[in-house]
Amino acid sequence: MKTERMYQIIRLPHVSEKTARLQADSNQYVFEVRTDANKTDIKRAVEGLFDVDVEQVQVVNVKGKQKSFRFVPGRQKGWKKAYVRIKAGQTIEEVQADT
């Protein structure tokens, strides 16, 4: 898989308190990914970009919220996130959350 395609699949890391806890406890990292990406694409992209061994990938479709934009009802876009578990002893330094 080409590096450009890997960067298109893995859009950005999702950083929150929950993801920081997952990193510390179960060696899982959370990424925002393309909506058409599947588990094998995500696994190959993470292994290629960060040089780690992926054990498991879980994918969640996040629905967009109903919002009001200047008193006009609207809807935010939905997105997809992936929970990626890597092998014990390995870390992704670029995605480390400050704990």
C-alpha atoms as a PDB file:
ATOM      1  CA  MET A   1       0.000   0.000   0.000  1.00  0.00           C
ATOM      2  CA  LYS A   2       1.346   3.447  -0.910  1.00  0.00           C
ATOM      3  CA  THR A   3       2.124   5.949   1.830  1.00  0.00           C
ATOM      4  CA  GLU A   4      -0.265   8.496   0.323  1.00  0.00           C
ATOM      5  CA  ARG A   5      -3.142   6.008   0.562  1.00  0.00           C
ATOM      6  CA  MET A   6      -2.202   5.212   4.181  1.00  0.00           C
ATOM      7  CA  TYR A   7      -2.440   8.898   5.100  1.00  0.00           C
ATOM      8  CA  GLN A   8      -5.830   9.086   3.392  1.00  0.00           C
ATOM      9  CA  ILE A   9      -7.141   6.134   5.432  1.00  0.00           C
ATOM     10  CA  ILE A  10      -5.775   7.321   8.811  1.00  0.00           C
ATOM     11  CA  ARG A  11      -6.950  10.926   8.970  1.00  0.00           C
ATOM     12  CA  LEU A  12      -5.945  11.930  12.506  1.00  0.00           C
ATOM     13  CA  PRO A  13      -5.637  10.575  16.034  1.00  0.00           C
ATOM     14  CA  HIS A  14      -8.624  11.064  18.311  1.00  0.00           C
ATOM     15  CA  VAL A  15      -7.355  12.371  21.657  1.00  0.00           C
ATOM     16  CA  SER A  16      -9.541  12.510  24.758  1.00  0.00           C
ATOM     17  CA  GLU A  17      -9.493  11.355  28.373  1.00  0.00           C
ATOM     18  CA  LYS A  18     -10.952   8.023  27.344  1.00  0.00           C
ATOM     19  CA  THR A  19      -8.317   7.439  24.675  1.00  0.00           C
ATOM     20  CA  ALA A  20      -5.528   8.368  27.100  1.00  0.00           C
ATOM     21  CA  ARG A  21      -6.871   5.775  29.532  1.00  0.00           C
ATOM     22  CA  LEU A  22      -7.068   3.168  26.746  1.00  0.00           C
ATOM     23  CA  GLN A  23      -3.458   3.851  25.771  1.00  0.00           C
ATOM     24  CA  ALA A  24      -2.259   3.389  29.326  1.00  0.00           C
ATOM     25  CA  ASP A  25      -4.387   0.373  30.259  1.00  0.00           C
ATOM     26  CA  SER A  26      -4.866  -1.761  27.155  1.00  0.00           C
ATOM     27  CA  ASN A  27      -2.363  -0.427  24.583  1.00  0.00           C
ATOM     28  CA  GLN A  28      -5.144   0.807  22.270  1.00  0.00           C
ATOM     29  CA  TYR A  29      -5.031   3.875  20.048  1.00  0.00           C
ATOM     30  CA  VAL A  30      -7.989   5.658  18.477  1.00  0.00           C
ATOM     31  CA  PHE A  31      -7.932   7.208  15.004  1.00  0.00           C
ATOM     32  CA  GLU A  32     -10.422   9.048  12.829  1.00  0.00           C
ATOM     33  CA  VAL A  33     -10.506   7.129   9.555  1.00  0.00           C
ATOM     34  CA  ARG A  34     -12.170   7.352   6.140  1.00  0.00           C
ATOM     35  CA  THR A  35     -15.799   6.301   6.114  1.00  0.00           C
ATOM     36  CA  ASP A  36     -15.156   3.730   3.372  1.00  0.00           C
ATOM     37  CA  ALA A  37     -12.126   2.127   5.081  1.00  0.00           C
ATOM     38  CA  ASN A  38     -12.426  -1.436   6.346  1.00  0.00           C
ATOM     39  CA  LYS A  39     -10.543  -3.228   9.116  1.00  0.00           C
ATOM     40  CA  THR A  40      -7.842  -4.714   6.882  1.00  0.00           C
ATOM     41  CA  ASP A  41      -7.124  -1.329   5.269  1.00  0.00           C
ATOM     42  CA  ILE A  42      -6.830   0.280   8.706  1.00  0.00           C
ATOM     43  CA  LYS A  43      -4.555  -2.487   9.974  1.00  0.00           C
ATOM     44  CA  ARG A  44      -2.213  -2.200   6.975  1.00  0.00           C
ATOM     45  CA  ALA A  45      -2.130   1.589   7.221  1.00  0.00           C
ATOM     46  CA  VAL A  46      -1.270   1.649  10.939  1.00  0.00           C
ATOM     47  CA  GLU A  47       1.388  -1.052  10.528  1.00  0.00           C
ATOM     48  CA  GLY A  48       2.896   0.773   7.558  1.00  0.00           C
ATOM     49  CA  LEU A  49       2.881   4.285   9.010  1.00  0.00           C
ATOM     50  CA  PHE A  50       3.950   3.584  12.589  1.00  0.00           C
ATOM     51  CA  ASP A  51       5.968   0.330  12.200  1.00  0.00           C
ATOM     52  CA  VAL A  52       4.032  -1.621  14.851  1.00  0.00           C
ATOM     53  CA  ASP A  53       2.218  -4.969  14.918  1.00  0.00           C
ATOM     54  CA  VAL A  54      -1.567  -4.640  15.132  1.00  0.00           C
ATOM     55  CA  GLU A  55      -3.463  -7.287  17.101  1.00  0.00           C
ATOM     56  CA  GLN A  56      -7.048  -6.077  16.732  1.00  0.00           C
ATOM     57  CA  VAL A  57      -9.091  -3.365  15.012  1.00  0.00           C
ATOM     58  CA  GLN A  58     -12.576  -2.295  16.082  1.00  0.00           C
ATOM     59  CA  VAL A  59     -14.547   0.206  14.004  1.00  0.00           C
ATOM     60  CA  VAL A  60     -17.321   2.556  15.159  1.00  0.00           C
ATOM     61  CA  ASN A  61     -19.545   4.739  12.979  1.00  0.00           C
ATOM     62  CA  VAL A  62     -20.241   7.996  14.831  1.00  0.00           C
ATOM     63  CA  LYS A  63     -23.495   9.647  13.815  1.00  0.00           C
ATOM     64  CA  GLY A  64     -23.555  13.383  13.178  1.00  0.00           C
ATOM     65  CA  LYS A  65     -25.400  15.528  15.683  1.00  0.00           C
ATOM     66  CA  GLN A  66     -28.451  17.703  15.101  1.00  0.00           C
ATOM     67  CA  LYS A  67     -27.360  21.333  15.442  1.00  0.00           C
ATOM     68  CA  SER A  68     -28.806  24.767  14.822  1.00  0.00           C
ATOM     69  CA  PHE A  69     -26.707  27.086  12.672  1.00  0.00           C
ATOM     70  CA  ARG A  70     -27.922  30.687  13.139  1.00  0.00           C
ATOM     71  CA  PHE A  71     -31.419  29.450  13.947  1.00  0.00           C
ATOM     72  CA  VAL A  72     -31.484  27.181  10.877  1.00  0.00           C
ATOM     73  CA  PRO A  73     -31.715  23.499  11.787  1.00  0.00           C
ATOM     74  CA  GLY A  74     -28.966  21.355  10.334  1.00  0.00           C
ATOM     75  CA  ARG A  75     -26.951  18.225  10.835  1.00  0.00           C
ATOM     76  CA  GLN A  76     -23.231  17.674  11.280  1.00  0.00           C
ATOM     77  CA  LYS A  77     -21.511  14.999   9.217  1.00  0.00           C
ATOM     78  CA  GLY A  78     -21.016  11.538  10.603  1.00  0.00           C
ATOM     79  CA  TRP A  79     -17.540  10.029  10.818  1.00  0.00           C
ATOM     80  CA  LYS A  80     -15.799   6.745  11.516  1.00  0.00           C
ATOM     81  CA  LYS A  81     -13.277   5.954  14.212  1.00  0.00           C
ATOM     82  CA  ALA A  82     -11.079   2.924  14.721  1.00  0.00           C
ATOM     83  CA  TYR A  83      -9.831   1.448  17.976  1.00  0.00           C
ATOM     84  CA  VAL A  84      -6.481  -0.190  17.186  1.00  0.00           C
ATOM     85  CA  ARG A  85      -4.817  -2.531  19.683  1.00  0.00           C
ATOM     86  CA  ILE A  86      -1.104  -3.098  19.172  1.00  0.00           C
ATOM     87  CA  LYS A  87       1.122  -5.792  20.650  1.00  0.00           C
ATOM     88  CA  ALA A  88       2.372  -5.428  24.206  1.00  0.00           C
ATOM     89  CA  GLY A  89       5.640  -3.578  24.562  1.00  0.00           C
ATOM     90  CA  GLN A  90       5.119  -1.458  21.445  1.00  0.00           C
ATOM     91  CA  THR A  91       4.033   2.180  21.422  1.00  0.00           C
ATOM     92  CA  ILE A  92       3.189   4.849  18.877  1.00  0.00           C
ATOM     93  CA  GLU A  93       5.183   7.878  20.046  1.00  0.00           C
ATOM     94  CA  GLU A  94       3.518  10.332  17.651  1.00  0.00           C
ATOM     95  CA  VAL A  95       0.071   9.651  19.154  1.00  0.00           C
ATOM     96  CA  GLN A  96       0.905   9.553  22.871  1.00  0.00           C
ATOM     97  CA  ALA A  97      -1.659  11.448  24.949  1.00  0.00           C
ATOM     98  CA  ASP A  98      -0.329  13.516  27.833  1.00  0.00           C
ATOM     99  CA  THR A  99      -1.306  11.758  31.028  1.00  0.00           C
END
